[in-house]
Amino acid sequence: MGLSLHDTERYTSVKQKLLELHDLYEVDADTNVSVRFVLTGHSLGGTIAQELTRELSFIDDTFTYNAGASPIGIPFQGSDPRIHNYVSSYDPIAMSIVHREETVS
């Protein structure tokens, strides 16, 4: 079996940074100040953002445009209401991805 997206240095480095930011900006009990975590991404960055949203429960919303992936690269994991995926009908890669069930258009 080949390398999965979750095993790449790009994915793991972004995930690590998000976890660090989450620890840094946790809700302050004294002030009750909280931080919303919203991801954005395009192409491969969009796919990474979508997968991180599925993995990390503290992500509030994710907006992607033409998230890219091979139709066989990442299995569809069901819709997630936090993911808002916009797809251009002129992008054949984005139109073929397995996340199309979540497409807003």
Protein backbone atom coordinates (compact mmCIF):
# COMPACT_ATOMS: atom_id res chain seq x y z
CA MET A 1 0.00 0.00 0.00
CA GLY A 2 1.29 3.47 -0.87
CA LEU A 3 1.75 6.53 1.24
CA SER A 4 -1.52 8.06 2.42
CA LEU A 5 -2.19 11.78 2.72
CA HIS A 6 -2.26 11.43 6.51
CA ASP A 7 1.34 10.15 6.47
CA THR A 8 2.82 13.02 4.47
CA GLU A 9 5.06 15.65 6.04
CA ARG A 10 2.77 18.40 4.78
CA TYR A 11 -0.30 16.92 6.49
CA THR A 12 1.45 16.10 9.76
CA SER A 13 3.15 19.52 9.97
CA VAL A 14 -0.16 21.37 9.49
CA LYS A 15 -1.86 19.11 12.02
CA GLN A 16 0.91 19.71 14.55
CA LYS A 17 0.66 23.49 14.09
CA LEU A 18 -3.13 23.39 14.55
CA LEU A 19 -2.74 21.39 17.77
CA GLU A 20 -0.18 23.93 19.05
CA LEU A 21 -2.52 26.82 18.22
CA HIS A 22 -5.42 25.03 19.91
CA ASP A 23 -3.35 24.58 23.07
CA LEU A 24 -2.25 28.23 22.94
CA TYR A 25 -5.75 29.63 22.44
CA GLU A 26 -7.87 27.39 24.61
CA VAL A 27 -10.88 29.00 26.29
CA ASP A 28 -9.75 31.26 29.11
CA ALA A 29 -11.90 30.31 32.13
CA ASP A 30 -11.39 33.76 33.70
CA THR A 31 -12.52 35.80 30.70
CA ASN A 32 -14.58 33.16 28.89
CA VAL A 33 -12.87 34.21 25.65
CA SER A 34 -12.84 31.53 23.02
CA VAL A 35 -11.32 31.23 19.56
CA ARG A 36 -13.04 29.83 16.47
CA PHE A 37 -10.91 27.64 14.25
CA VAL A 38 -11.82 28.04 10.57
CA LEU A 39 -9.74 26.45 7.82
CA THR A 40 -9.59 27.38 4.16
CA GLY A 41 -7.90 25.64 1.28
CA HIS A 42 -7.64 25.23 -2.47
CA SER A 43 -6.62 22.15 -4.42
CA LEU A 44 -4.38 19.91 -2.29
CA GLY A 45 -4.65 22.41 0.58
CA GLY A 46 -8.43 22.03 0.42
CA THR A 47 -8.21 18.27 0.69
CA ILE A 48 -5.84 18.58 3.65
CA ALA A 49 -8.23 21.06 5.30
CA GLN A 50 -11.17 18.70 4.81
CA GLU A 51 -9.32 15.71 6.24
CA LEU A 52 -8.05 17.70 9.23
CA THR A 53 -11.60 18.86 9.92
CA ARG A 54 -12.78 15.25 10.03
CA GLU A 55 -9.91 14.34 12.36
CA LEU A 56 -9.89 17.33 14.74
CA SER A 57 -13.14 18.02 16.58
CA PHE A 58 -12.15 21.57 17.57
CA ILE A 59 -12.26 22.82 13.96
CA ASP A 60 -15.43 24.92 13.69
CA ASP A 61 -15.75 25.33 9.92
CA THR A 62 -13.79 24.63 6.75
CA PHE A 63 -14.25 26.36 3.41
CA THR A 64 -12.55 24.82 0.39
CA TYR A 65 -12.49 25.71 -3.27
CA ASN A 66 -11.76 23.05 -5.86
CA ALA A 67 -10.32 20.66 -3.29
CA GLY A 68 -8.19 18.23 -5.26
CA ALA A 69 -7.72 14.52 -4.92
CA SER A 70 -7.62 11.43 -7.01
CA PRO A 71 -10.97 9.64 -7.12
CA ILE A 72 -9.15 6.68 -5.59
CA GLY A 73 -6.86 8.69 -3.30
CA ILE A 74 -9.06 9.31 -0.27
CA PRO A 75 -12.19 7.28 0.42
CA PHE A 76 -15.34 9.33 0.94
CA GLN A 77 -16.02 9.47 4.67
CA GLY A 78 -19.51 10.88 4.66
CA SER A 79 -20.61 14.47 4.82
CA ASP A 80 -19.51 16.72 7.65
CA PRO A 81 -21.63 19.83 8.26
CA ARG A 82 -18.50 21.82 9.09
CA ILE A 83 -17.11 21.36 5.55
CA HIS A 84 -18.25 23.79 2.84
CA ASN A 85 -16.74 22.76 -0.48
CA TYR A 86 -17.10 25.02 -3.51
CA VAL A 87 -16.33 23.48 -6.89
CA SER A 88 -15.91 25.07 -10.30
CA SER A 89 -17.43 23.00 -13.08
CA TYR A 90 -14.40 23.99 -15.18
CA ASP A 91 -12.00 22.03 -12.97
CA PRO A 92 -12.06 18.35 -14.05
CA ILE A 93 -9.98 17.21 -11.06
CA ALA A 94 -12.22 18.91 -8.52
CA MET A 95 -15.36 17.63 -10.27
CA SER A 96 -14.09 14.05 -10.07
CA ILE A 97 -13.19 14.00 -6.38
CA VAL A 98 -14.91 11.74 -3.95
CA HIS A 99 -15.91 14.67 -1.73
CA ARG A 100 -18.42 15.84 -4.32
CA GLU A 101 -21.32 14.80 -2.05
CA GLU A 102 -20.40 17.79 0.12
CA THR A 103 -20.23 20.23 -2.79
CA VAL A 104 -22.07 23.51 -2.37
CA SER A 105 -21.32 24.76 -5.96
